[in-house]
Amino acid sequence: MEWRTRWHATIRWDRADNSPANVTVVERVVDDPRPSAAPARVGPRRPTRDRLLPYRQVRELVGDETTNCLAGHAYAGGSATRPVRDWWHCSCGGHLVLRCRRCPHMQFGPIISAD
């Protein structure tokens, strides 16, 4: 697991009739907020490439969760084998904590480093 930065861009229209989707607000998630990174959508009712859209930065935890604890117990199955999920707050954004129900092992994602 690791942190990935994404951007939520918000496009607003004064009336739903002016929008290609017939709504007043559309939110898109993009990897790069710069207008040149997205294909141009030029038209009478669409934003143009050179128009800056309001956006906000969001960090997402991506990647596969581990399927076994450090002792080899499988996390798949019912409530007796599913790990206890918790969150550890940290200056990097935080860490997902998985604790095995059958032994004292805990795993963190992303891995805790000295940064």
PDB file of N, CA and C in Angstrom:
ATOM      1  N   MET A   1       0.828  -1.183   0.000  1.00  0.00           N
ATOM      2  CA  MET A   1       0.000   0.000   0.000  1.00  0.00           C
ATOM      3  C   MET A   1       0.868   1.240   0.000  1.00  0.00           C
ATOM      4  N   GLU A   2       0.333   2.284  -0.581  1.00  0.00           N
ATOM      5  CA  GLU A   2       1.050   3.553  -0.594  1.00  0.00           C
ATOM      6  C   GLU A   2       0.053   4.692  -0.762  1.00  0.00           C
ATOM      7  N   TRP A   3       0.513   5.899  -0.449  1.00  0.00           N
ATOM      8  CA  TRP A   3      -0.311   7.089  -0.643  1.00  0.00           C
ATOM      9  C   TRP A   3      -0.151   7.579  -2.070  1.00  0.00           C
ATOM     10  N   ARG A   4      -1.249   7.989  -2.694  1.00  0.00           N
ATOM     11  CA  ARG A   4      -1.226   8.577  -4.036  1.00  0.00           C
ATOM     12  C   ARG A   4      -2.002   9.894  -3.969  1.00  0.00           C
ATOM     13  N   THR A   5      -1.460  10.918  -4.608  1.00  0.00           N
ATOM     14  CA  THR A   5      -2.133  12.209  -4.649  1.00  0.00           C
ATOM     15  C   THR A   5      -3.011  12.279  -5.886  1.00  0.00           C
ATOM     16  N   ARG A   6      -4.265  12.620  -5.692  1.00  0.00           N
ATOM     17  CA  ARG A   6      -5.220  12.816  -6.790  1.00  0.00           C
ATOM     18  C   ARG A   6      -5.847  14.185  -6.595  1.00  0.00           C
ATOM     19  N   TRP A   7      -6.560  14.637  -7.583  1.00  0.00           N
ATOM     20  CA  TRP A   7      -7.173  15.958  -7.547  1.00  0.00           C
ATOM     21  C   TRP A   7      -8.652  15.833  -7.902  1.00  0.00           C
ATOM     22  N   HIS A   8      -9.495  16.479  -7.128  1.00  0.00           N
ATOM     23  CA  HIS A   8     -10.933  16.521  -7.396  1.00  0.00           C
ATOM     24  C   HIS A   8     -11.235  17.896  -8.000  1.00  0.00           C
ATOM     25  N   ALA A   9     -11.592  17.914  -9.265  1.00  0.00           N
ATOM     26  CA  ALA A   9     -11.932  19.163  -9.956  1.00  0.00           C
ATOM     27  C   ALA A   9     -13.453  19.303  -9.981  1.00  0.00           C
ATOM     28  N   THR A  10     -13.938  20.495  -9.667  1.00  0.00           N
ATOM     29  CA  THR A  10     -15.376  20.749  -9.636  1.00  0.00           C
ATOM     30  C   THR A  10     -15.739  21.688 -10.777  1.00  0.00           C
ATOM     31  N   ILE A  11     -16.675  21.256 -11.619  1.00  0.00           N
ATOM     32  CA  ILE A  11     -17.154  22.066 -12.740  1.00  0.00           C
ATOM     33  C   ILE A  11     -18.597  22.450 -12.425  1.00  0.00           C
ATOM     34  N   ARG A  12     -18.894  23.748 -12.484  1.00  0.00           N
ATOM     35  CA  ARG A  12     -20.235  24.233 -12.164  1.00  0.00           C
ATOM     36  C   ARG A  12     -20.835  24.974 -13.363  1.00  0.00           C
ATOM     37  N   TRP A  13     -22.126  24.804 -13.557  1.00  0.00           N
ATOM     38  CA  TRP A  13     -22.873  25.537 -14.577  1.00  0.00           C
ATOM     39  C   TRP A  13     -23.976  26.319 -13.894  1.00  0.00           C
ATOM     40  N   ASP A  14     -24.368  27.433 -14.499  1.00  0.00           N
ATOM     41  CA  ASP A  14     -25.427  28.249 -13.909  1.00  0.00           C
ATOM     42  C   ASP A  14     -26.786  27.552 -14.000  1.00  0.00           C
ATOM     43  N   ARG A  15     -26.986  26.776 -15.059  1.00  0.00           N
ATOM     44  CA  ARG A  15     -28.240  26.032 -15.239  1.00  0.00           C
ATOM     45  C   ARG A  15     -27.917  24.652 -15.795  1.00  0.00           C
ATOM     46  N   ALA A  16     -28.755  23.687 -15.457  1.00  0.00           N
ATOM     47  CA  ALA A  16     -28.542  22.321 -15.945  1.00  0.00           C
ATOM     48  C   ALA A  16     -28.639  22.245 -17.465  1.00  0.00           C
ATOM     49  N   ASP A  17     -29.430  23.139 -18.105  1.00  0.00           N
ATOM     50  CA  ASP A  17     -29.557  23.124 -19.576  1.00  0.00           C
ATOM     51  C   ASP A  17     -28.228  23.429 -20.264  1.00  0.00           C
ATOM     52  N   ASN A  18     -27.341  24.167 -19.594  1.00  0.00           N
ATOM     53  CA  ASN A  18     -26.054  24.541 -20.182  1.00  0.00           C
ATOM     54  C   ASN A  18     -24.993  23.448 -20.033  1.00  0.00           C
ATOM     55  N   SER A  19     -25.288  22.428 -19.262  1.00  0.00           N
ATOM     56  CA  SER A  19     -24.333  21.365 -18.983  1.00  0.00           C
ATOM     57  C   SER A  19     -24.544  20.190 -19.939  1.00  0.00           C
ATOM     58  N   PRO A  20     -23.461  19.555 -20.419  1.00  0.00           N
ATOM     59  CA  PRO A  20     -23.613  18.375 -21.271  1.00  0.00           C
ATOM     60  C   PRO A  20     -24.236  17.198 -20.522  1.00  0.00           C
ATOM     61  N   ALA A  21     -24.152  17.207 -19.196  1.00  0.00           N
ATOM     62  CA  ALA A  21     -24.715  16.114 -18.401  1.00  0.00           C
ATOM     63  C   ALA A  21     -26.079  16.482 -17.802  1.00  0.00           C
ATOM     64  N   ASN A  22     -26.583  17.668 -18.117  1.00  0.00           N
ATOM     65  CA  ASN A  22     -27.857  18.169 -17.595  1.00  0.00           C
ATOM     66  C   ASN A  22     -27.891  18.241 -16.071  1.00  0.00           C
ATOM     67  N   VAL A  23     -26.776  18.639 -15.481  1.00  0.00           N
ATOM     68  CA  VAL A  23     -26.677  18.873 -14.039  1.00  0.00           C
ATOM     69  C   VAL A  23     -25.934  20.183 -13.827  1.00  0.00           C
ATOM     70  N   THR A  24     -25.995  20.724 -12.626  1.00  0.00           N
ATOM     71  CA  THR A  24     -25.312  21.997 -12.381  1.00  0.00           C
ATOM     72  C   THR A  24     -23.902  21.817 -11.836  1.00  0.00           C
ATOM     73  N   VAL A  25     -23.575  20.647 -11.283  1.00  0.00           N
ATOM     74  CA  VAL A  25     -22.241  20.406 -10.728  1.00  0.00           C
ATOM     75  C   VAL A  25     -21.752  19.019 -11.157  1.00  0.00           C
ATOM     76  N   VAL A  26     -20.507  18.966 -11.630  1.00  0.00           N
ATOM     77  CA  VAL A  26     -19.855  17.699 -11.968  1.00  0.00           C
ATOM     78  C   VAL A  26     -18.507  17.697 -11.276  1.00  0.00           C
ATOM     79  N   GLU A  27     -18.174  16.597 -10.618  1.00  0.00           N
ATOM     80  CA  GLU A  27     -16.860  16.480  -9.989  1.00  0.00           C
ATOM     81  C   GLU A  27     -16.094  15.363 -10.676  1.00  0.00           C
ATOM     82  N   ARG A  28     -14.883  15.658 -11.096  1.00  0.00           N
ATOM     83  CA  ARG A  28     -14.015  14.690 -11.763  1.00  0.00           C
ATOM     84  C   ARG A  28     -12.773  14.469 -10.917  1.00  0.00           C
ATOM     85  N   VAL A  29     -12.271  13.250 -10.910  1.00  0.00           N
ATOM     86  CA  VAL A  29     -11.039  12.917 -10.210  1.00  0.00           C
ATOM     87  C   VAL A  29      -9.961  12.742 -11.260  1.00  0.00           C
ATOM     88  N   VAL A  30      -8.866  13.502 -11.123  1.00  0.00           N
ATOM     89  CA  VAL A  30      -7.784  13.469 -12.108  1.00  0.00           C
ATOM     90  C   VAL A  30      -6.447  13.281 -11.406  1.00  0.00           C
ATOM     91  N   ASP A  31      -5.461  12.770 -12.152  1.00  0.00           N
ATOM     92  CA  ASP A  31      -4.118  12.598 -11.602  1.00  0.00           C
ATOM     93  C   ASP A  31      -3.302  13.878 -11.671  1.00  0.00           C
ATOM     94  N   ASP A  32      -3.660  14.787 -12.578  1.00  0.00           N
ATOM     95  CA  ASP A  32      -2.925  16.032 -12.770  1.00  0.00           C
ATOM     96  C   ASP A  32      -3.925  17.163 -12.997  1.00  0.00           C
ATOM     97  N   PRO A  33      -3.916  18.213 -12.162  1.00  0.00           N
ATOM     98  CA  PRO A  33      -4.922  19.260 -12.287  1.00  0.00           C
ATOM     99  C   PRO A  33      -4.674  20.262 -13.407  1.00  0.00           C
ATOM    100  N   ARG A  34      -3.511  20.202 -14.043  1.00  0.00           N
ATOM    101  CA  ARG A  34      -3.226  21.182 -15.092  1.00  0.00           C
ATOM    102  C   ARG A  34      -4.113  20.947 -16.305  1.00  0.00           C
ATOM    103  N   PRO A  35      -4.672  22.002 -16.869  1.00  0.00           N
ATOM    104  CA  PRO A  35      -5.563  21.839 -18.025  1.00  0.00           C
ATOM    105  C   PRO A  35      -4.912  21.124 -19.200  1.00  0.00           C
ATOM    106  N   SER A  36      -3.606  21.299 -19.390  1.00  0.00           N
ATOM    107  CA  SER A  36      -2.938  20.675 -20.531  1.00  0.00           C
ATOM    108  C   SER A  36      -2.806  19.163 -20.355  1.00  0.00           C
ATOM    109  N   ALA A  37      -3.036  18.655 -19.144  1.00  0.00           N
ATOM    110  CA  ALA A  37      -2.916  17.219 -18.913  1.00  0.00           C
ATOM    111  C   ALA A  37      -4.164  16.462 -19.341  1.00  0.00           C
ATOM    112  N   ALA A  38      -5.262  17.166 -19.506  1.00  0.00           N
ATOM    113  CA  ALA A  38      -6.515  16.523 -19.901  1.00  0.00           C
ATOM    114  C   ALA A  38      -6.831  16.855 -21.353  1.00  0.00           C
ATOM    115  N   PRO A  39      -7.543  15.989 -22.049  1.00  0.00           N
ATOM    116  CA  PRO A  39      -7.905  16.316 -23.425  1.00  0.00           C
ATOM    117  C   PRO A  39      -8.837  17.522 -23.467  1.00  0.00           C
ATOM    118  N   ALA A  40      -8.701  18.312 -24.483  1.00  0.00           N
ATOM    119  CA  ALA A  40      -9.525  19.521 -24.604  1.00  0.00           C
ATOM    120  C   ALA A  40     -10.957  19.147 -24.922  1.00  0.00           C
ATOM    121  N   ARG A  41     -11.875  19.839 -24.316  1.00  0.00           N
ATOM    122  CA  ARG A  41     -13.300  19.672 -24.607  1.00  0.00           C
ATOM    123  C   ARG A  41     -13.817  21.047 -24.979  1.00  0.00           C
ATOM    124  N   VAL A  42     -13.709  21.370 -26.209  1.00  0.00           N
ATOM    125  CA  VAL A  42     -14.097  22.694 -26.662  1.00  0.00           C
ATOM    126  C   VAL A  42     -15.459  22.620 -27.324  1.00  0.00           C
ATOM    127  N   GLY A  43     -16.304  23.517 -26.978  1.00  0.00           N
ATOM    128  CA  GLY A  43     -17.644  23.562 -27.539  1.00  0.00           C
ATOM    129  C   GLY A  43     -18.433  24.653 -26.851  1.00  0.00           C
ATOM    130  N   PRO A  44     -19.604  24.974 -27.333  1.00  0.00           N
ATOM    131  CA  PRO A  44     -20.358  26.075 -26.751  1.00  0.00           C
ATOM    132  C   PRO A  44     -20.787  25.810 -25.316  1.00  0.00           C
ATOM    133  N   ARG A  45     -20.935  24.548 -24.932  1.00  0.00           N
ATOM    134  CA  ARG A  45     -21.422  24.244 -23.595  1.00  0.00           C
ATOM    135  C   ARG A  45     -20.372  23.571 -22.707  1.00  0.00           C
ATOM    136  N   ARG A  46     -19.149  23.464 -23.169  1.00  0.00           N
ATOM    137  CA  ARG A  46     -18.145  22.728 -22.405  1.00  0.00           C
ATOM    138  C   ARG A  46     -16.997  23.636 -21.996  1.00  0.00           C
ATOM    139  N   PRO A  47     -16.355  23.310 -20.868  1.00  0.00           N
ATOM    140  CA  PRO A  47     -15.192  24.098 -20.475  1.00  0.00           C
ATOM    141  C   PRO A  47     -14.070  23.934 -21.491  1.00  0.00           C
ATOM    142  N   THR A  48     -13.262  24.937 -21.646  1.00  0.00           N
ATOM    143  CA  THR A  48     -12.155  24.864 -22.597  1.00  0.00           C
ATOM    144  C   THR A  48     -10.879  24.488 -21.875  1.00  0.00           C
ATOM    145  N   ARG A  49      -9.883  24.106 -22.656  1.00  0.00           N
ATOM    146  CA  ARG A  49      -8.614  23.662 -22.098  1.00  0.00           C
ATOM    147  C   ARG A  49      -7.938  24.747 -21.267  1.00  0.00           C
ATOM    148  N   ASP A  50      -8.065  26.001 -21.650  1.00  0.00           N
ATOM    149  CA  ASP A  50      -7.346  27.049 -20.933  1.00  0.00           C
ATOM    150  C   ASP A  50      -8.110  27.593 -19.730  1.00  0.00           C
ATOM    151  N   ARG A  51      -9.317  27.119 -19.482  1.00  0.00           N
ATOM    152  CA  ARG A  51     -10.068  27.561 -18.311  1.00  0.00           C
ATOM    153  C   ARG A  51      -9.583  26.781 -17.097  1.00  0.00           C
ATOM    154  N   LEU A  52      -9.242  27.493 -16.034  1.00  0.00           N
ATOM    155  CA  LEU A  52      -8.821  26.834 -14.809  1.00  0.00           C
ATOM    156  C   LEU A  52     -10.052  26.448 -14.002  1.00  0.00           C
ATOM    157  N   LEU A  53     -10.080  25.238 -13.548  1.00  0.00           N
ATOM    158  CA  LEU A  53     -11.204  24.743 -12.768  1.00  0.00           C
ATOM    159  C   LEU A  53     -10.805  24.686 -11.297  1.00  0.00           C
ATOM    160  N   PRO A  54     -11.759  24.931 -10.390  1.00  0.00           N
ATOM    161  CA  PRO A  54     -11.431  24.788  -8.978  1.00  0.00           C
ATOM    162  C   PRO A  54     -11.167  23.314  -8.655  1.00  0.00           C
ATOM    163  N   TYR A  55     -10.129  23.049  -7.879  1.00  0.00           N
ATOM    164  CA  TYR A  55      -9.804  21.682  -7.537  1.00  0.00           C
ATOM    165  C   TYR A  55      -9.267  21.626  -6.118  1.00  0.00           C
ATOM    166  N   ARG A  56      -9.312  20.424  -5.545  1.00  0.00           N
ATOM    167  CA  ARG A  56      -8.750  20.216  -4.218  1.00  0.00           C
ATOM    168  C   ARG A  56      -7.911  18.946  -4.234  1.00  0.00           C
ATOM    169  N   GLN A  57      -6.832  18.976  -3.485  1.00  0.00           N
ATOM    170  CA  GLN A  57      -5.922  17.842  -3.418  1.00  0.00           C
ATOM    171  C   GLN A  57      -6.466  16.809  -2.436  1.00  0.00           C
ATOM    172  N   VAL A  58      -6.406  15.530  -2.835  1.00  0.00           N
ATOM    173  CA  VAL A  58      -6.872  14.433  -1.994  1.00  0.00           C
ATOM    174  C   VAL A  58      -5.822  13.331  -2.039  1.00  0.00           C
ATOM    175  N   ARG A  59      -5.506  12.775  -0.892  1.00  0.00           N
ATOM    176  CA  ARG A  59      -4.572  11.645  -0.853  1.00  0.00           C
ATOM    177  C   ARG A  59      -5.373  10.373  -0.691  1.00  0.00           C
ATOM    178  N   GLU A  60      -5.068   9.371  -1.534  1.00  0.00           N
ATOM    179  CA  GLU A  60      -5.765   8.090  -1.492  1.00  0.00           C
ATOM    180  C   GLU A  60      -4.786   6.985  -1.147  1.00  0.00           C
ATOM    181  N   LEU A  61      -5.236   6.064  -0.326  1.00  0.00           N
ATOM    182  CA  LEU A  61      -4.438   4.896  -0.004  1.00  0.00           C
ATOM    183  C   LEU A  61      -4.726   3.846  -1.067  1.00  0.00           C
ATOM    184  N   VAL A  62      -3.713   3.470  -1.850  1.00  0.00           N
ATOM    185  CA  VAL A  62      -3.907   2.527  -2.949  1.00  0.00           C
ATOM    186  C   VAL A  62      -3.000   1.310  -2.772  1.00  0.00           C
ATOM    187  N   GLY A  63      -3.390   0.230  -3.398  1.00  0.00           N
ATOM    188  CA  GLY A  63      -2.612  -0.997  -3.333  1.00  0.00           C
ATOM    189  C   GLY A  63      -3.407  -2.086  -2.651  1.00  0.00           C
ATOM    190  N   ASP A  64      -2.904  -3.286  -2.756  1.00  0.00           N
ATOM    191  CA  ASP A  64      -3.597  -4.442  -2.189  1.00  0.00           C
ATOM    192  C   ASP A  64      -3.284  -4.583  -0.707  1.00  0.00           C
ATOM    193  N   GLU A  65      -4.326  -4.896   0.058  1.00  0.00           N
ATOM    194  CA  GLU A  65      -4.122  -5.215   1.467  1.00  0.00           C
ATOM    195  C   GLU A  65      -3.535  -6.613   1.552  1.00  0.00           C
ATOM    196  N   THR A  66      -2.808  -6.857   2.625  1.00  0.00           N
ATOM    197  CA  THR A  66      -2.248  -8.178   2.834  1.00  0.00           C
ATOM    198  C   THR A  66      -3.365  -9.181   3.112  1.00  0.00           C
ATOM    199  N   THR A  67      -3.173 -10.416   2.736  1.00  0.00           N
ATOM    200  CA  THR A  67      -4.218 -11.436   2.891  1.00  0.00           C
ATOM    201  C   THR A  67      -3.949 -12.379   4.051  1.00  0.00           C
ATOM    202  N   ASN A  68      -2.744 -12.305   4.653  1.00  0.00           N
ATOM    203  CA  ASN A  68      -2.385 -13.169   5.781  1.00  0.00           C
ATOM    204  C   ASN A  68      -1.653 -12.344   6.826  1.00  0.00           C
ATOM    205  N   CYS A  69      -1.750 -12.798   8.080  1.00  0.00           N
ATOM    206  CA  CYS A  69      -0.979 -12.140   9.130  1.00  0.00           C
ATOM    207  C   CYS A  69       0.474 -12.639   9.067  1.00  0.00           C
ATOM    208  N   LEU A  70       1.328 -12.082   9.913  1.00  0.00           N
ATOM    209  CA  LEU A  70       2.742 -12.464   9.900  1.00  0.00           C
ATOM    210  C   LEU A  70       2.955 -13.924  10.302  1.00  0.00           C
ATOM    211  N   ALA A  71       2.005 -14.512  11.034  1.00  0.00           N
ATOM    212  CA  ALA A  71       2.107 -15.925  11.423  1.00  0.00           C
ATOM    213  C   ALA A  71       1.495 -16.841  10.372  1.00  0.00           C
ATOM    214  N   GLY A  72       0.901 -16.272   9.306  1.00  0.00           N
ATOM    215  CA  GLY A  72       0.345 -17.076   8.230  1.00  0.00           C
ATOM    216  C   GLY A  72      -1.148 -17.306   8.302  1.00  0.00           C
ATOM    217  N   HIS A  73      -1.834 -16.759   9.302  1.00  0.00           N
ATOM    218  CA  HIS A  73      -3.287 -16.929   9.401  1.00  0.00           C
ATOM    219  C   HIS A  73      -3.965 -16.146   8.281  1.00  0.00           C
ATOM    220  N   ALA A  74      -4.889 -16.796   7.565  1.00  0.00           N
ATOM    221  CA  ALA A  74      -5.590 -16.139   6.453  1.00  0.00           C
ATOM    222  C   ALA A  74      -6.618 -15.153   6.984  1.00  0.00           C
ATOM    223  N   TYR A  75      -6.730 -14.005   6.322  1.00  0.00           N
ATOM    224  CA  TYR A  75      -7.700 -12.987   6.704  1.00  0.00           C
ATOM    225  C   TYR A  75      -9.052 -13.192   6.019  1.00  0.00           C
ATOM    226  N   ALA A  76      -9.135 -14.075   5.029  1.00  0.00           N
ATOM    227  CA  ALA A  76     -10.388 -14.287   4.301  1.00  0.00           C
ATOM    228  C   ALA A  76     -11.354 -15.094   5.160  1.00  0.00           C
ATOM    229  N   GLY A  77     -12.631 -14.915   4.898  1.00  0.00           N
ATOM    230  CA  GLY A  77     -13.629 -15.698   5.609  1.00  0.00           C
ATOM    231  C   GLY A  77     -14.562 -14.821   6.413  1.00  0.00           C
ATOM    232  N   GLY A  78     -15.136 -15.396   7.450  1.00  0.00           N
ATOM    233  CA  GLY A  78     -16.132 -14.706   8.261  1.00  0.00           C
ATOM    234  C   GLY A  78     -15.515 -13.821   9.320  1.00  0.00           C
ATOM    235  N   SER A  79     -16.356 -13.410  10.252  1.00  0.00           N
ATOM    236  CA  SER A  79     -15.925 -12.456  11.267  1.00  0.00           C
ATOM    237  C   SER A  79     -14.864 -13.031  12.204  1.00  0.00           C
ATOM    238  N   ALA A  80     -14.775 -14.339  12.316  1.00  0.00           N
ATOM    239  CA  ALA A  80     -13.778 -14.948  13.197  1.00  0.00           C
ATOM    240  C   ALA A  80     -12.367 -14.848  12.622  1.00  0.00           C
ATOM    241  N   THR A  81     -12.241 -14.735  11.303  1.00  0.00           N
ATOM    242  CA  THR A  81     -10.911 -14.677  10.686  1.00  0.00           C
ATOM    243  C   THR A  81     -10.576 -13.316  10.093  1.00  0.00           C
ATOM    244  N   ARG A  82     -11.585 -12.476   9.860  1.00  0.00           N
ATOM    245  CA  ARG A  82     -11.319 -11.140   9.329  1.00  0.00           C
ATOM    246  C   ARG A  82     -10.483 -10.344  10.319  1.00  0.00           C
ATOM    247  N   PRO A  83      -9.511  -9.559   9.851  1.00  0.00           N
ATOM    248  CA  PRO A  83      -8.689  -8.797  10.792  1.00  0.00           C
ATOM    249  C   PRO A  83      -9.471  -7.622  11.392  1.00  0.00           C
ATOM    250  N   VAL A  84      -9.042  -7.207  12.558  1.00  0.00           N
ATOM    251  CA  VAL A  84      -9.578  -5.990  13.167  1.00  0.00           C
ATOM    252  C   VAL A  84      -8.898  -4.838  12.464  1.00  0.00           C
ATOM    253  N   ARG A  85      -9.696  -3.917  11.920  1.00  0.00           N
ATOM    254  CA  ARG A  85      -9.149  -2.786  11.169  1.00  0.00           C
ATOM    255  C   ARG A  85      -9.144  -1.546  12.064  1.00  0.00           C
ATOM    256  N   ASP A  86      -8.034  -0.817  12.030  1.00  0.00           N
ATOM    257  CA  ASP A  86      -7.915   0.403  12.817  1.00  0.00           C
ATOM    258  C   ASP A  86      -7.101   1.404  12.005  1.00  0.00           C
ATOM    259  N   TRP A  87      -6.963   2.608  12.514  1.00  0.00           N
ATOM    260  CA  TRP A  87      -6.223   3.659  11.833  1.00  0.00           C
ATOM    261  C   TRP A  87      -5.260   4.285  12.816  1.00  0.00           C
ATOM    262  N   TRP A  88      -3.989   4.434  12.391  1.00  0.00           N
ATOM    263  CA  TRP A  88      -2.980   5.068  13.221  1.00  0.00           C
ATOM    264  C   TRP A  88      -2.641   6.407  12.588  1.00  0.00           C
ATOM    265  N   HIS A  89      -2.935   7.493  13.302  1.00  0.00           N
ATOM    266  CA  HIS A  89      -2.664   8.836  12.784  1.00  0.00           C
ATOM    267  C   HIS A  89      -1.167   9.104  12.800  1.00  0.00           C
ATOM    268  N   CYS A  90      -0.694   9.763  11.739  1.00  0.00           N
ATOM    269  CA  CYS A  90       0.733  10.016  11.561  1.00  0.00           C
ATOM    270  C   CYS A  90       0.878  11.276  10.706  1.00  0.00           C
ATOM    271  N   SER A  91       2.048  11.900  10.741  1.00  0.00           N
ATOM    272  CA  SER A  91       2.275  13.110   9.947  1.00  0.00           C
ATOM    273  C   SER A  91       2.252  12.844   8.440  1.00  0.00           C
ATOM    274  N   CYS A  92       2.426  11.576   8.021  1.00  0.00           N
ATOM    275  CA  CYS A  92       2.398  11.245   6.590  1.00  0.00           C
ATOM    276  C   CYS A  92       0.970  11.134   6.066  1.00  0.00           C
ATOM    277  N   GLY A  93      -0.008  11.125   6.933  1.00  0.00           N
ATOM    278  CA  GLY A  93      -1.395  10.956   6.526  1.00  0.00           C
ATOM    279  C   GLY A  93      -2.074   9.837   7.280  1.00  0.00           C
ATOM    280  N   GLY A  94      -1.304   8.895   7.776  1.00  0.00           N
ATOM    281  CA  GLY A  94      -1.854   7.815   8.568  1.00  0.00           C
ATOM    282  C   GLY A  94      -1.536   6.449   8.002  1.00  0.00           C
ATOM    283  N   HIS A  95      -1.867   5.441   8.778  1.00  0.00           N
ATOM    284  CA  HIS A  95      -1.576   4.064   8.403  1.00  0.00           C
ATOM    285  C   HIS A  95      -2.763   3.178   8.748  1.00  0.00           C
ATOM    286  N   LEU A  96      -3.121   2.284   7.841  1.00  0.00           N
ATOM    287  CA  LEU A  96      -4.123   1.271   8.104  1.00  0.00           C
ATOM    288  C   LEU A  96      -3.471   0.209   8.980  1.00  0.00           C
ATOM    289  N   VAL A  97      -4.142  -0.169  10.067  1.00  0.00           N
ATOM    290  CA  VAL A  97      -3.623  -1.191  10.971  1.00  0.00           C
ATOM    291  C   VAL A  97      -4.533  -2.410  10.866  1.00  0.00           C
ATOM    292  N   LEU A  98      -3.946  -3.555  10.572  1.00  0.00           N
ATOM    293  CA  LEU A  98      -4.679  -4.822  10.526  1.00  0.00           C
ATOM    294  C   LEU A  98      -4.153  -5.702  11.654  1.00  0.00           C
ATOM    295  N   ARG A  99      -5.060  -6.112  12.560  1.00  0.00           N
ATOM    296  CA  ARG A  99      -4.670  -6.956  13.688  1.00  0.00           C
ATOM    297  C   ARG A  99      -5.364  -8.304  13.550  1.00  0.00           C
ATOM    298  N   CYS A 100      -4.580  -9.362  13.576  1.00  0.00           N
ATOM    299  CA  CYS A 100      -5.104 -10.720  13.457  1.00  0.00           C
ATOM    300  C   CYS A 100      -5.947 -11.040  14.691  1.00  0.00           C
ATOM    301  N   ARG A 101      -7.069 -11.736  14.496  1.00  0.00           N
ATOM    302  CA  ARG A 101      -7.937 -12.121  15.616  1.00  0.00           C
ATOM    303  C   ARG A 101      -7.436 -13.380  16.327  1.00  0.00           C
ATOM    304  N   ARG A 102      -6.504 -14.116  15.706  1.00  0.00           N
ATOM    305  CA  ARG A 102      -6.045 -15.377  16.285  1.00  0.00           C
ATOM    306  C   ARG A 102      -4.660 -15.309  16.913  1.00  0.00           C
ATOM    307  N   CYS A 103      -3.975 -14.188  16.728  1.00  0.00           N
ATOM    308  CA  CYS A 103      -2.647 -14.032  17.333  1.00  0.00           C
ATOM    309  C   CYS A 103      -2.396 -12.533  17.551  1.00  0.00           C
ATOM    310  N   PRO A 104      -1.325 -12.160  18.232  1.00  0.00           N
ATOM    311  CA  PRO A 104      -1.102 -10.744  18.550  1.00  0.00           C
ATOM    312  C   PRO A 104      -0.461  -9.920  17.429  1.00  0.00           C
ATOM    313  N   HIS A 105      -0.269 -10.482  16.245  1.00  0.00           N
ATOM    314  CA  HIS A 105       0.420  -9.759  15.182  1.00  0.00           C
ATOM    315  C   HIS A 105      -0.428  -8.608  14.622  1.00  0.00           C
ATOM    316  N   MET A 106       0.269  -7.510  14.325  1.00  0.00           N
ATOM    317  CA  MET A 106      -0.361  -6.355  13.668  1.00  0.00           C
ATOM    318  C   MET A 106       0.481  -5.993  12.455  1.00  0.00           C
ATOM    319  N   GLN A 107      -0.186  -5.511  11.396  1.00  0.00           N
ATOM    320  CA  GLN A 107       0.512  -5.053  10.194  1.00  0.00           C
ATOM    321  C   GLN A 107       0.035  -3.653   9.867  1.00  0.00           C
ATOM    322  N   PHE A 108       0.937  -2.855   9.301  1.00  0.00           N
ATOM    323  CA  PHE A 108       0.637  -1.471   8.972  1.00  0.00           C
ATOM    324  C   PHE A 108       0.782  -1.251   7.485  1.00  0.00           C
ATOM    325  N   GLY A 109      -0.072  -0.447   6.903  1.00  0.00           N
ATOM    326  CA  GLY A 109       0.040  -0.090   5.500  1.00  0.00           C
ATOM    327  C   GLY A 109      -0.311   1.375   5.330  1.00  0.00           C
ATOM    328  N   PRO A 110       0.496   2.156   4.641  1.00  0.00           N
ATOM    329  CA  PRO A 110       1.833   1.825   4.138  1.00  0.00           C
ATOM    330  C   PRO A 110       2.815   1.603   5.289  1.00  0.00           C
ATOM    331  N   ILE A 111       3.932   0.999   4.959  1.00  0.00           N
ATOM    332  CA  ILE A 111       4.953   0.664   5.958  1.00  0.00           C
ATOM    333  C   ILE A 111       5.426   1.943   6.640  1.00  0.00           C
ATOM    334  N   ILE A 112       5.613   1.870   7.928  1.00  0.00           N
ATOM    335  CA  ILE A 112       6.073   3.020   8.709  1.00  0.00           C
ATOM    336  C   ILE A 112       7.557   3.194   8.481  1.00  0.00           C
ATOM    337  N   SER A 113       7.961   4.422   8.130  1.00  0.00           N
ATOM    338  CA  SER A 113       9.378   4.693   7.897  1.00  0.00           C
ATOM    339  C   SER A 113       9.810   5.851   8.798  1.00  0.00           C
ATOM    340  N   ALA A 114      11.074   6.170   8.759  1.00  0.00           N
ATOM    341  CA  ALA A 114      11.627   7.229   9.614  1.00  0.00           C
ATOM    342  C   ALA A 114      11.433   8.617   9.035  1.00  0.00           C
ATOM    343  N   ASP A 115      10.757   8.754   7.886  1.00  0.00           N
ATOM    344  CA  ASP A 115      10.594  10.068   7.258  1.00  0.00           C
ATOM    345  C   ASP A 115       9.921  11.014   8.203  1.00  0.00           C
TER     346      ASP A 115
END
